[in-house]
Amino acid sequence: MNSWDFGGSSTKAEFTKFPVGITHVRVIDETPFVRWTHWLPKFNKSVNCPGNGCPICDVRKKQKEAGLDYTYGVARRIAINIINRETGKVEIMEQGINFFNDLRDLMSDLKERGMKLSDVDIKVRRRGQGKDDTSYRLDIDKEYPLTESDMQLISTKQDLSEYFKPHTIEQLQRIVNGETWDEVFTKPEEKELVVVK
């Protein structure tokens, strides 16, 4: 490959961060992307569960049967592409089930009027900053068609099924077997760039 692209993604994904106060967003996907993740405290990172045959799920199942504490966490993650009106960028908005239930309620209200989420901007009001005192309120804000610049932005959105592609069973088995994060997830071409002194 003759280019300055060294194998990294040409478009880095931006994730939505809601500061305290109001943020205006436009949902640009028809449906959210749902996945399960496992938290690996040893590496302070999470991996995407491949589902059937997942070695981490197997470890958790055995720990549950034995009445032991879990070595790895599990969480359901829900994401959707949006245009953040404050940043002017396409972002991945990843939130919990309550947030998405509220979004689904707005979608139902719009459907009764023959509209979709992508027809309106949504006002997201965040209260609180801590883990236990943060809450969100979602309201339909402005109703107007997507602009030409919106359409250009939408062409840069991430394919979430590709972006959040599950890790392989083989990769997760290597993690369970005690290999390091770098041994399992650093690509061979990245290892070649490391200079040994």
N, C-alpha and C. Protein backbone atom coordinates (compact mmCIF):
# COMPACT_ATOMS: atom_id res chain seq x y z
N MET A 1 0.85 -1.17 0.00
CA MET A 1 0.00 0.00 0.00
C MET A 1 0.90 1.23 0.00
N ASN A 2 0.77 2.06 -1.03
CA ASN A 2 1.57 3.27 -1.14
C ASN A 2 0.77 4.48 -0.71
N SER A 3 0.81 4.80 0.56
CA SER A 3 0.11 5.98 1.06
C SER A 3 0.65 6.30 2.45
N TRP A 4 0.18 7.40 2.98
CA TRP A 4 0.57 7.78 4.33
C TRP A 4 -0.36 7.16 5.36
N ASP A 5 -1.27 6.31 4.91
CA ASP A 5 -2.19 5.64 5.82
C ASP A 5 -1.50 4.38 6.34
N PHE A 6 -1.13 4.37 7.59
CA PHE A 6 -0.40 3.24 8.17
C PHE A 6 -1.31 2.22 8.80
N GLY A 7 -2.49 2.06 8.26
CA GLY A 7 -3.39 1.02 8.75
C GLY A 7 -4.38 1.50 9.79
N GLY A 8 -4.25 2.75 10.26
CA GLY A 8 -5.21 3.27 11.22
C GLY A 8 -6.47 3.71 10.51
N SER A 9 -7.53 3.86 11.24
CA SER A 9 -8.78 4.34 10.65
C SER A 9 -8.60 5.80 10.24
N SER A 10 -9.09 6.14 9.04
CA SER A 10 -8.92 7.50 8.56
C SER A 10 -9.83 8.47 9.31
N THR A 11 -10.91 7.97 9.87
CA THR A 11 -11.79 8.84 10.63
C THR A 11 -11.88 8.33 12.07
N LYS A 12 -11.35 9.11 12.98
CA LYS A 12 -11.40 8.74 14.40
C LYS A 12 -12.80 9.05 14.92
N ALA A 13 -13.34 8.13 15.64
CA ALA A 13 -14.70 8.33 16.16
C ALA A 13 -14.68 9.32 17.32
N GLU A 14 -15.67 10.19 17.32
CA GLU A 14 -15.89 11.12 18.42
C GLU A 14 -17.05 10.56 19.24
N PHE A 15 -16.93 10.61 20.56
CA PHE A 15 -18.01 10.16 21.43
C PHE A 15 -18.65 11.38 22.10
N THR A 16 -19.96 11.34 22.21
CA THR A 16 -20.70 12.46 22.79
C THR A 16 -20.44 12.55 24.29
N LYS A 17 -20.08 13.74 24.73
CA LYS A 17 -19.95 14.03 26.15
C LYS A 17 -20.97 15.10 26.47
N PHE A 18 -21.86 14.81 27.40
CA PHE A 18 -22.88 15.78 27.78
C PHE A 18 -22.42 16.56 28.99
N PRO A 19 -22.10 17.85 28.84
CA PRO A 19 -21.78 18.65 30.03
C PRO A 19 -23.08 18.95 30.78
N VAL A 20 -22.96 19.41 32.01
CA VAL A 20 -24.14 19.84 32.76
C VAL A 20 -24.78 20.98 31.98
N GLY A 21 -26.10 20.93 31.85
CA GLY A 21 -26.82 21.93 31.07
C GLY A 21 -27.47 21.30 29.86
N ILE A 22 -27.60 22.07 28.79
CA ILE A 22 -28.35 21.63 27.62
C ILE A 22 -27.44 21.39 26.42
N THR A 23 -27.65 20.26 25.75
CA THR A 23 -26.97 19.93 24.50
C THR A 23 -28.05 19.57 23.48
N HIS A 24 -27.92 20.07 22.27
CA HIS A 24 -28.87 19.75 21.20
C HIS A 24 -28.25 18.72 20.27
N VAL A 25 -28.99 17.66 19.97
CA VAL A 25 -28.49 16.60 19.09
C VAL A 25 -29.54 16.23 18.05
N ARG A 26 -29.08 15.64 16.95
CA ARG A 26 -29.97 15.09 15.93
C ARG A 26 -29.57 13.63 15.73
N VAL A 27 -30.50 12.72 15.98
CA VAL A 27 -30.24 11.29 15.77
C VAL A 27 -30.23 11.03 14.27
N ILE A 28 -29.21 10.31 13.78
CA ILE A 28 -29.11 10.08 12.33
C ILE A 28 -29.12 8.60 11.95
N ASP A 29 -29.28 7.72 12.93
CA ASP A 29 -29.45 6.29 12.63
C ASP A 29 -30.90 5.91 12.86
N GLU A 30 -31.36 4.90 12.11
CA GLU A 30 -32.73 4.40 12.28
C GLU A 30 -32.88 3.65 13.60
N THR A 31 -31.85 2.86 13.95
CA THR A 31 -31.92 2.03 15.16
C THR A 31 -30.59 2.11 15.92
N PRO A 32 -30.65 1.93 17.24
CA PRO A 32 -29.40 1.91 18.02
C PRO A 32 -28.68 0.58 17.82
N PHE A 33 -27.39 0.59 18.13
CA PHE A 33 -26.57 -0.62 18.08
C PHE A 33 -26.37 -1.10 19.52
N VAL A 34 -26.72 -2.36 19.79
CA VAL A 34 -26.63 -2.92 21.14
C VAL A 34 -25.55 -3.99 21.15
N ARG A 35 -24.70 -3.95 22.16
CA ARG A 35 -23.67 -4.98 22.30
C ARG A 35 -23.43 -5.25 23.79
N TRP A 36 -22.79 -6.37 24.06
CA TRP A 36 -22.38 -6.71 25.42
C TRP A 36 -20.87 -6.55 25.51
N THR A 37 -20.42 -6.00 26.62
CA THR A 37 -18.98 -5.84 26.83
C THR A 37 -18.56 -6.52 28.13
N HIS A 38 -17.28 -6.83 28.20
CA HIS A 38 -16.68 -7.36 29.43
C HIS A 38 -15.62 -6.38 29.90
N TRP A 39 -15.66 -6.04 31.17
CA TRP A 39 -14.67 -5.15 31.77
C TRP A 39 -13.51 -5.99 32.29
N LEU A 40 -12.28 -5.61 31.90
CA LEU A 40 -11.08 -6.32 32.34
C LEU A 40 -10.33 -5.40 33.30
N PRO A 41 -10.59 -5.55 34.63
CA PRO A 41 -9.98 -4.63 35.59
C PRO A 41 -8.46 -4.61 35.54
N LYS A 42 -7.85 -5.76 35.23
CA LYS A 42 -6.39 -5.86 35.17
C LYS A 42 -5.79 -4.87 34.15
N PHE A 43 -6.52 -4.62 33.06
CA PHE A 43 -6.03 -3.72 32.01
C PHE A 43 -6.78 -2.38 31.99
N ASN A 44 -7.81 -2.27 32.83
CA ASN A 44 -8.63 -1.05 32.87
C ASN A 44 -9.23 -0.75 31.49
N LYS A 45 -9.67 -1.81 30.80
CA LYS A 45 -10.24 -1.71 29.46
C LYS A 45 -11.39 -2.69 29.34
N SER A 46 -12.22 -2.47 28.31
CA SER A 46 -13.30 -3.42 28.05
C SER A 46 -13.14 -4.02 26.66
N VAL A 47 -13.75 -5.19 26.48
CA VAL A 47 -13.75 -5.89 25.19
C VAL A 47 -15.20 -6.18 24.80
N ASN A 48 -15.43 -6.34 23.51
CA ASN A 48 -16.76 -6.66 23.01
C ASN A 48 -16.95 -8.17 22.98
N CYS A 49 -18.01 -8.63 23.61
CA CYS A 49 -18.31 -10.05 23.73
C CYS A 49 -18.73 -10.63 22.37
N PRO A 50 -18.13 -11.78 21.98
CA PRO A 50 -18.51 -12.40 20.71
C PRO A 50 -19.78 -13.26 20.82
N GLY A 51 -20.30 -13.43 22.05
CA GLY A 51 -21.51 -14.24 22.22
C GLY A 51 -21.18 -15.70 22.47
N ASN A 52 -21.87 -16.58 21.77
CA ASN A 52 -21.70 -18.02 21.96
C ASN A 52 -20.23 -18.45 21.95
N GLY A 53 -19.80 -19.17 22.98
CA GLY A 53 -18.43 -19.66 23.05
C GLY A 53 -17.45 -18.68 23.66
N CYS A 54 -17.93 -17.55 24.18
CA CYS A 54 -17.05 -16.55 24.77
C CYS A 54 -16.36 -17.11 26.01
N PRO A 55 -15.01 -17.14 26.03
CA PRO A 55 -14.28 -17.67 27.19
C PRO A 55 -14.53 -16.88 28.48
N ILE A 56 -14.74 -15.58 28.35
CA ILE A 56 -14.98 -14.75 29.54
C ILE A 56 -16.35 -15.08 30.13
N CYS A 57 -17.35 -15.27 29.26
CA CYS A 57 -18.68 -15.69 29.75
C CYS A 57 -18.57 -17.04 30.47
N ASP A 58 -17.72 -17.95 29.93
CA ASP A 58 -17.53 -19.26 30.55
C ASP A 58 -16.92 -19.12 31.94
N VAL A 59 -15.91 -18.24 32.08
CA VAL A 59 -15.28 -18.01 33.38
C VAL A 59 -16.32 -17.47 34.36
N ARG A 60 -17.12 -16.51 33.92
CA ARG A 60 -18.16 -15.93 34.78
C ARG A 60 -19.18 -16.98 35.21
N LYS A 61 -19.56 -17.85 34.29
CA LYS A 61 -20.53 -18.91 34.60
C LYS A 61 -19.98 -19.85 35.68
N LYS A 62 -18.72 -20.24 35.52
CA LYS A 62 -18.09 -21.14 36.51
C LYS A 62 -17.96 -20.46 37.87
N GLN A 63 -17.63 -19.16 37.85
CA GLN A 63 -17.50 -18.42 39.11
C GLN A 63 -18.85 -18.30 39.81
N LYS A 64 -19.91 -18.10 39.04
CA LYS A 64 -21.25 -18.00 39.60
C LYS A 64 -21.65 -19.33 40.25
N GLU A 65 -21.40 -20.44 39.52
CA GLU A 65 -21.75 -21.77 40.04
C GLU A 65 -21.00 -22.08 41.33
N ALA A 66 -19.76 -21.58 41.43
CA ALA A 66 -18.94 -21.84 42.61
C ALA A 66 -19.16 -20.81 43.72
N GLY A 67 -20.02 -19.80 43.46
CA GLY A 67 -20.28 -18.77 44.46
C GLY A 67 -19.12 -17.82 44.66
N LEU A 68 -18.27 -17.67 43.65
CA LEU A 68 -17.10 -16.80 43.74
C LEU A 68 -17.40 -15.41 43.18
N ASP A 69 -16.55 -14.44 43.55
CA ASP A 69 -16.66 -13.11 42.97
C ASP A 69 -16.23 -13.18 41.50
N TYR A 70 -16.83 -12.30 40.70
CA TYR A 70 -16.49 -12.28 39.28
C TYR A 70 -15.15 -11.59 39.03
N THR A 71 -14.33 -12.19 38.16
CA THR A 71 -13.06 -11.60 37.75
C THR A 71 -13.29 -10.50 36.72
N TYR A 72 -14.31 -10.70 35.87
CA TYR A 72 -14.60 -9.78 34.77
C TYR A 72 -16.03 -9.26 34.89
N GLY A 73 -16.22 -7.99 34.57
CA GLY A 73 -17.56 -7.41 34.57
C GLY A 73 -18.26 -7.65 33.24
N VAL A 74 -19.58 -7.39 33.24
CA VAL A 74 -20.36 -7.48 32.00
C VAL A 74 -21.34 -6.31 31.98
N ALA A 75 -21.54 -5.74 30.81
CA ALA A 75 -22.48 -4.62 30.70
C ALA A 75 -23.06 -4.58 29.29
N ARG A 76 -24.31 -4.15 29.23
CA ARG A 76 -24.94 -3.93 27.92
C ARG A 76 -24.67 -2.48 27.54
N ARG A 77 -24.19 -2.27 26.33
CA ARG A 77 -23.88 -0.95 25.82
C ARG A 77 -24.79 -0.65 24.63
N ILE A 78 -25.32 0.57 24.60
CA ILE A 78 -26.21 0.98 23.51
C ILE A 78 -25.65 2.26 22.91
N ALA A 79 -25.54 2.28 21.57
CA ALA A 79 -24.94 3.43 20.90
C ALA A 79 -25.73 3.77 19.64
N ILE A 80 -25.64 5.03 19.25
CA ILE A 80 -26.30 5.49 18.02
C ILE A 80 -25.50 6.70 17.51
N ASN A 81 -25.48 6.87 16.19
CA ASN A 81 -24.82 8.04 15.60
C ASN A 81 -25.73 9.27 15.71
N ILE A 82 -25.12 10.39 16.06
CA ILE A 82 -25.87 11.65 16.16
C ILE A 82 -25.03 12.79 15.58
N ILE A 83 -25.70 13.89 15.27
CA ILE A 83 -25.00 15.15 15.02
C ILE A 83 -25.15 15.95 16.31
N ASN A 84 -24.02 16.32 16.88
CA ASN A 84 -24.02 17.16 18.08
C ASN A 84 -24.04 18.61 17.60
N ARG A 85 -25.13 19.31 17.85
CA ARG A 85 -25.27 20.69 17.36
C ARG A 85 -24.29 21.64 18.06
N GLU A 86 -23.81 21.26 19.26
CA GLU A 86 -22.87 22.15 19.97
C GLU A 86 -21.47 22.03 19.38
N THR A 87 -21.06 20.81 18.99
CA THR A 87 -19.70 20.62 18.45
C THR A 87 -19.69 20.69 16.93
N GLY A 88 -20.87 20.51 16.30
CA GLY A 88 -20.94 20.50 14.85
C GLY A 88 -20.36 19.25 14.23
N LYS A 89 -20.28 18.17 15.03
CA LYS A 89 -19.66 16.93 14.54
C LYS A 89 -20.63 15.76 14.62
N VAL A 90 -20.35 14.74 13.78
CA VAL A 90 -21.02 13.46 13.93
C VAL A 90 -20.31 12.73 15.06
N GLU A 91 -21.09 12.23 16.01
CA GLU A 91 -20.52 11.54 17.17
C GLU A 91 -21.27 10.26 17.44
N ILE A 92 -20.62 9.37 18.17
CA ILE A 92 -21.28 8.17 18.66
C ILE A 92 -21.80 8.51 20.06
N MET A 93 -23.10 8.41 20.23
CA MET A 93 -23.70 8.67 21.53
C MET A 93 -23.95 7.32 22.19
N GLU A 94 -23.23 7.07 23.28
CA GLU A 94 -23.35 5.80 24.00
C GLU A 94 -23.90 6.11 25.38
N GLN A 95 -25.07 5.54 25.67
CA GLN A 95 -25.74 5.81 26.94
C GLN A 95 -26.38 4.52 27.46
N GLY A 96 -26.97 4.62 28.65
CA GLY A 96 -27.60 3.47 29.28
C GLY A 96 -29.04 3.25 28.81
N ILE A 97 -29.63 2.20 29.35
CA ILE A 97 -30.97 1.77 28.94
C ILE A 97 -32.03 2.83 29.24
N ASN A 98 -31.94 3.52 30.37
CA ASN A 98 -32.94 4.53 30.71
C ASN A 98 -32.94 5.68 29.71
N PHE A 99 -31.77 6.12 29.33
CA PHE A 99 -31.64 7.19 28.34
C PHE A 99 -32.30 6.76 27.03
N PHE A 100 -32.00 5.53 26.59
CA PHE A 100 -32.55 5.05 25.32
C PHE A 100 -34.04 4.75 25.42
N ASN A 101 -34.53 4.39 26.61
CA ASN A 101 -35.99 4.25 26.78
C ASN A 101 -36.67 5.60 26.60
N ASP A 102 -36.06 6.66 27.15
CA ASP A 102 -36.61 8.01 26.97
C ASP A 102 -36.59 8.40 25.49
N LEU A 103 -35.51 8.04 24.81
CA LEU A 103 -35.40 8.34 23.38
C LEU A 103 -36.47 7.59 22.59
N ARG A 104 -36.72 6.34 22.99
CA ARG A 104 -37.77 5.54 22.33
C ARG A 104 -39.15 6.16 22.55
N ASP A 105 -39.38 6.71 23.74
CA ASP A 105 -40.65 7.40 24.01
C ASP A 105 -40.83 8.60 23.08
N LEU A 106 -39.75 9.37 22.89
CA LEU A 106 -39.81 10.50 21.96
C LEU A 106 -40.11 10.02 20.54
N MET A 107 -39.47 8.90 20.17
CA MET A 107 -39.68 8.34 18.85
C MET A 107 -41.15 7.94 18.66
N SER A 108 -41.76 7.36 19.70
CA SER A 108 -43.18 6.98 19.62
C SER A 108 -44.07 8.21 19.45
N ASP A 109 -43.76 9.28 20.21
CA ASP A 109 -44.53 10.52 20.09
C ASP A 109 -44.43 11.08 18.66
N LEU A 110 -43.23 11.04 18.10
CA LEU A 110 -43.03 11.55 16.74
C LEU A 110 -43.74 10.68 15.71
N LYS A 111 -43.71 9.36 15.94
CA LYS A 111 -44.34 8.43 15.00
C LYS A 111 -45.85 8.72 14.87
N GLU A 112 -46.48 9.07 16.00
CA GLU A 112 -47.90 9.42 15.99
C GLU A 112 -48.18 10.62 15.10
N ARG A 113 -47.15 11.47 14.91
CA ARG A 113 -47.28 12.65 14.06
C ARG A 113 -46.71 12.41 12.66
N GLY A 114 -46.41 11.13 12.35
CA GLY A 114 -45.87 10.78 11.04
C GLY A 114 -44.43 11.21 10.84
N MET A 115 -43.69 11.30 11.94
CA MET A 115 -42.30 11.78 11.86
C MET A 115 -41.35 10.76 12.46
N LYS A 116 -40.03 11.00 12.23
CA LYS A 116 -38.97 10.16 12.77
C LYS A 116 -38.05 11.00 13.64
N LEU A 117 -37.19 10.32 14.40
CA LEU A 117 -36.22 11.04 15.23
C LEU A 117 -35.32 11.93 14.38
N SER A 118 -35.02 11.49 13.16
CA SER A 118 -34.11 12.26 12.31
C SER A 118 -34.76 13.53 11.77
N ASP A 119 -36.05 13.76 12.06
CA ASP A 119 -36.75 14.97 11.60
C ASP A 119 -36.65 16.14 12.58
N VAL A 120 -36.12 15.87 13.79
CA VAL A 120 -36.10 16.91 14.82
C VAL A 120 -34.77 16.92 15.57
N ASP A 121 -34.44 18.08 16.12
CA ASP A 121 -33.34 18.15 17.08
C ASP A 121 -33.92 17.81 18.45
N ILE A 122 -33.10 17.19 19.26
CA ILE A 122 -33.52 16.81 20.62
C ILE A 122 -32.69 17.60 21.61
N LYS A 123 -33.38 18.12 22.62
CA LYS A 123 -32.72 18.87 23.68
C LYS A 123 -32.45 17.90 24.83
N VAL A 124 -31.17 17.72 25.16
CA VAL A 124 -30.77 16.85 26.26
C VAL A 124 -30.30 17.73 27.41
N ARG A 125 -31.01 17.64 28.54
CA ARG A 125 -30.62 18.42 29.72
C ARG A 125 -29.99 17.46 30.72
N ARG A 126 -28.74 17.75 31.06
CA ARG A 126 -28.04 16.95 32.06
C ARG A 126 -28.00 17.70 33.37
N ARG A 127 -28.34 16.96 34.44
CA ARG A 127 -28.21 17.48 35.81
C ARG A 127 -27.24 16.57 36.55
N GLY A 128 -26.41 17.16 37.37
CA GLY A 128 -25.48 16.38 38.19
C GLY A 128 -24.23 16.00 37.42
N GLN A 129 -23.18 15.71 38.19
CA GLN A 129 -21.89 15.36 37.58
C GLN A 129 -21.36 14.02 38.05
N GLY A 130 -21.87 13.53 39.17
CA GLY A 130 -21.34 12.29 39.73
C GLY A 130 -22.05 11.07 39.21
N LYS A 131 -21.52 9.94 39.59
CA LYS A 131 -22.09 8.65 39.15
C LYS A 131 -23.52 8.48 39.67
N ASP A 132 -23.78 8.96 40.88
CA ASP A 132 -25.07 8.71 41.51
C ASP A 132 -26.08 9.87 41.39
N ASP A 133 -25.62 11.06 40.97
CA ASP A 133 -26.57 12.17 40.93
C ASP A 133 -26.83 12.70 39.52
N THR A 134 -26.33 12.00 38.50
CA THR A 134 -26.54 12.45 37.12
C THR A 134 -27.87 11.96 36.59
N SER A 135 -28.63 12.87 35.98
CA SER A 135 -29.88 12.49 35.33
C SER A 135 -30.01 13.28 34.03
N TYR A 136 -30.80 12.73 33.12
CA TYR A 136 -31.01 13.37 31.82
C TYR A 136 -32.49 13.54 31.57
N ARG A 137 -32.83 14.65 30.93
CA ARG A 137 -34.20 14.86 30.46
C ARG A 137 -34.12 15.13 28.96
N LEU A 138 -34.93 14.40 28.19
CA LEU A 138 -34.93 14.55 26.74
C LEU A 138 -36.25 15.17 26.28
N ASP A 139 -36.15 16.18 25.45
CA ASP A 139 -37.34 16.83 24.90
C ASP A 139 -37.13 17.08 23.41
N ILE A 140 -38.24 17.03 22.65
CA ILE A 140 -38.18 17.40 21.25
C ILE A 140 -37.95 18.90 21.20
N ASP A 141 -36.97 19.32 20.41
CA ASP A 141 -36.66 20.75 20.31
C ASP A 141 -37.16 21.27 18.96
N LYS A 142 -36.25 21.61 18.07
CA LYS A 142 -36.65 22.20 16.79
C LYS A 142 -36.96 21.13 15.76
N GLU A 143 -37.99 21.40 14.97
CA GLU A 143 -38.40 20.49 13.90
C GLU A 143 -38.05 21.16 12.57
N TYR A 144 -37.08 20.60 11.86
CA TYR A 144 -36.71 21.14 10.54
C TYR A 144 -35.95 20.07 9.78
N PRO A 145 -35.99 20.13 8.44
CA PRO A 145 -35.31 19.10 7.64
C PRO A 145 -33.79 19.20 7.79
N LEU A 146 -33.14 18.08 7.54
CA LEU A 146 -31.68 18.06 7.56
C LEU A 146 -31.17 19.00 6.46
N THR A 147 -30.12 19.74 6.76
CA THR A 147 -29.55 20.68 5.80
C THR A 147 -28.54 19.96 4.90
N GLU A 148 -28.05 20.67 3.91
CA GLU A 148 -27.04 20.09 3.02
C GLU A 148 -25.77 19.77 3.81
N SER A 149 -25.38 20.67 4.72
CA SER A 149 -24.18 20.40 5.52
C SER A 149 -24.40 19.23 6.48
N ASP A 150 -25.65 19.06 6.97
CA ASP A 150 -25.97 17.87 7.77
C ASP A 150 -25.74 16.60 6.95
N MET A 151 -26.20 16.63 5.71
CA MET A 151 -26.06 15.45 4.83
C MET A 151 -24.59 15.12 4.59
N GLN A 152 -23.76 16.15 4.46
CA GLN A 152 -22.32 15.91 4.29
C GLN A 152 -21.74 15.29 5.55
N LEU A 153 -22.18 15.78 6.70
CA LEU A 153 -21.72 15.20 7.97
C LEU A 153 -22.14 13.73 8.08
N ILE A 154 -23.39 13.45 7.71
CA ILE A 154 -23.92 12.09 7.83
C ILE A 154 -23.09 11.11 7.00
N SER A 155 -22.52 11.58 5.90
CA SER A 155 -21.72 10.68 5.06
C SER A 155 -20.44 10.23 5.78
N THR A 156 -20.09 10.88 6.89
CA THR A 156 -18.88 10.51 7.64
C THR A 156 -19.18 9.64 8.86
N LYS A 157 -20.46 9.29 9.06
CA LYS A 157 -20.80 8.53 10.28
C LYS A 157 -20.16 7.14 10.27
N GLN A 158 -19.98 6.62 11.47
CA GLN A 158 -19.36 5.29 11.65
C GLN A 158 -20.39 4.19 11.39
N ASP A 159 -19.91 3.09 10.82
CA ASP A 159 -20.70 1.86 10.75
C ASP A 159 -20.49 1.19 12.11
N LEU A 160 -21.48 1.30 13.00
CA LEU A 160 -21.30 0.85 14.38
C LEU A 160 -21.06 -0.66 14.48
N SER A 161 -21.64 -1.44 13.56
CA SER A 161 -21.41 -2.89 13.62
C SER A 161 -19.96 -3.23 13.29
N GLU A 162 -19.31 -2.38 12.51
CA GLU A 162 -17.90 -2.57 12.19
C GLU A 162 -17.03 -1.96 13.31
N TYR A 163 -17.39 -0.77 13.77
CA TYR A 163 -16.62 -0.08 14.79
C TYR A 163 -16.57 -0.88 16.09
N PHE A 164 -17.73 -1.47 16.46
CA PHE A 164 -17.81 -2.24 17.71
C PHE A 164 -17.76 -3.74 17.44
N LYS A 165 -17.07 -4.13 16.38
CA LYS A 165 -17.00 -5.55 16.01
C LYS A 165 -16.51 -6.37 17.21
N PRO A 166 -17.19 -7.48 17.50
CA PRO A 166 -16.77 -8.29 18.66
C PRO A 166 -15.33 -8.77 18.53
N HIS A 167 -14.67 -8.85 19.66
CA HIS A 167 -13.35 -9.47 19.67
C HIS A 167 -13.53 -10.96 19.42
N THR A 168 -12.48 -11.60 18.94
CA THR A 168 -12.61 -13.02 18.60
C THR A 168 -12.51 -13.89 19.85
N ILE A 169 -13.06 -15.07 19.74
CA ILE A 169 -12.97 -16.05 20.84
C ILE A 169 -11.50 -16.33 21.13
N GLU A 170 -10.69 -16.44 20.07
CA GLU A 170 -9.26 -16.73 20.24
C GLU A 170 -8.57 -15.61 21.03
N GLN A 171 -8.88 -14.34 20.70
CA GLN A 171 -8.27 -13.22 21.42
C GLN A 171 -8.65 -13.26 22.90
N LEU A 172 -9.93 -13.50 23.18
CA LEU A 172 -10.38 -13.50 24.57
C LEU A 172 -9.83 -14.70 25.33
N GLN A 173 -9.65 -15.83 24.65
CA GLN A 173 -9.05 -17.00 25.30
C GLN A 173 -7.61 -16.68 25.71
N ARG A 174 -6.90 -15.97 24.85
CA ARG A 174 -5.52 -15.58 25.17
C ARG A 174 -5.49 -14.66 26.40
N ILE A 175 -6.45 -13.74 26.51
CA ILE A 175 -6.54 -12.86 27.68
C ILE A 175 -6.80 -13.70 28.94
N VAL A 176 -7.77 -14.63 28.84
CA VAL A 176 -8.10 -15.51 29.98
C VAL A 176 -6.88 -16.34 30.37
N ASN A 177 -6.08 -16.74 29.38
CA ASN A 177 -4.88 -17.55 29.64
C ASN A 177 -3.74 -16.75 30.25
N GLY A 178 -3.91 -15.41 30.36
CA GLY A 178 -2.90 -14.61 31.07
C GLY A 178 -1.99 -13.77 30.19
N GLU A 179 -2.22 -13.75 28.88
CA GLU A 179 -1.38 -12.90 28.03
C GLU A 179 -1.71 -11.43 28.29
N THR A 180 -0.77 -10.54 27.95
CA THR A 180 -0.98 -9.11 28.17
C THR A 180 -1.85 -8.52 27.05
N TRP A 181 -2.37 -7.34 27.33
CA TRP A 181 -3.19 -6.62 26.35
C TRP A 181 -2.42 -6.43 25.04
N ASP A 182 -1.15 -5.97 25.17
CA ASP A 182 -0.35 -5.69 23.97
C ASP A 182 -0.05 -6.96 23.18
N GLU A 183 0.22 -8.06 23.88
CA GLU A 183 0.49 -9.32 23.16
C GLU A 183 -0.71 -9.74 22.31
N VAL A 184 -1.90 -9.52 22.84
CA VAL A 184 -3.11 -9.98 22.15
C VAL A 184 -3.60 -8.98 21.10
N PHE A 185 -3.55 -7.69 21.41
CA PHE A 185 -4.24 -6.72 20.55
C PHE A 185 -3.36 -5.81 19.71
N THR A 186 -2.02 -5.82 19.91
CA THR A 186 -1.16 -5.00 19.07
C THR A 186 -0.97 -5.72 17.74
N LYS A 187 -1.24 -5.00 16.65
CA LYS A 187 -1.13 -5.58 15.31
C LYS A 187 0.34 -5.80 14.98
N PRO A 188 0.66 -6.82 14.18
CA PRO A 188 2.06 -7.10 13.83
C PRO A 188 2.79 -5.90 13.24
N GLU A 189 2.11 -5.12 12.36
CA GLU A 189 2.78 -3.95 11.76
C GLU A 189 3.09 -2.88 12.80
N GLU A 190 2.29 -2.81 13.90
CA GLU A 190 2.57 -1.85 14.96
C GLU A 190 3.78 -2.29 15.78
N LYS A 191 3.93 -3.62 15.95
CA LYS A 191 5.07 -4.14 16.71
C LYS A 191 6.38 -3.83 16.00
N GLU A 192 6.35 -3.84 14.65
CA GLU A 192 7.56 -3.57 13.88
C GLU A 192 8.04 -2.13 14.07
N LEU A 193 7.13 -1.21 14.40
CA LEU A 193 7.48 0.19 14.58
C LEU A 193 8.19 0.46 15.90
N VAL A 194 8.11 -0.51 16.83
CA VAL A 194 8.74 -0.33 18.15
C VAL A 194 10.25 -0.51 17.99
N VAL A 195 11.00 0.49 18.42
CA VAL A 195 12.46 0.44 18.32
C VAL A 195 13.02 -0.06 19.65
N VAL A 196 13.81 -1.13 19.60
CA VAL A 196 14.41 -1.69 20.81
C VAL A 196 15.80 -1.07 20.98
N LYS A 197 16.07 -0.55 22.20
CA LYS A 197 17.39 0.05 22.47
C LYS A 197 18.26 -0.90 23.24
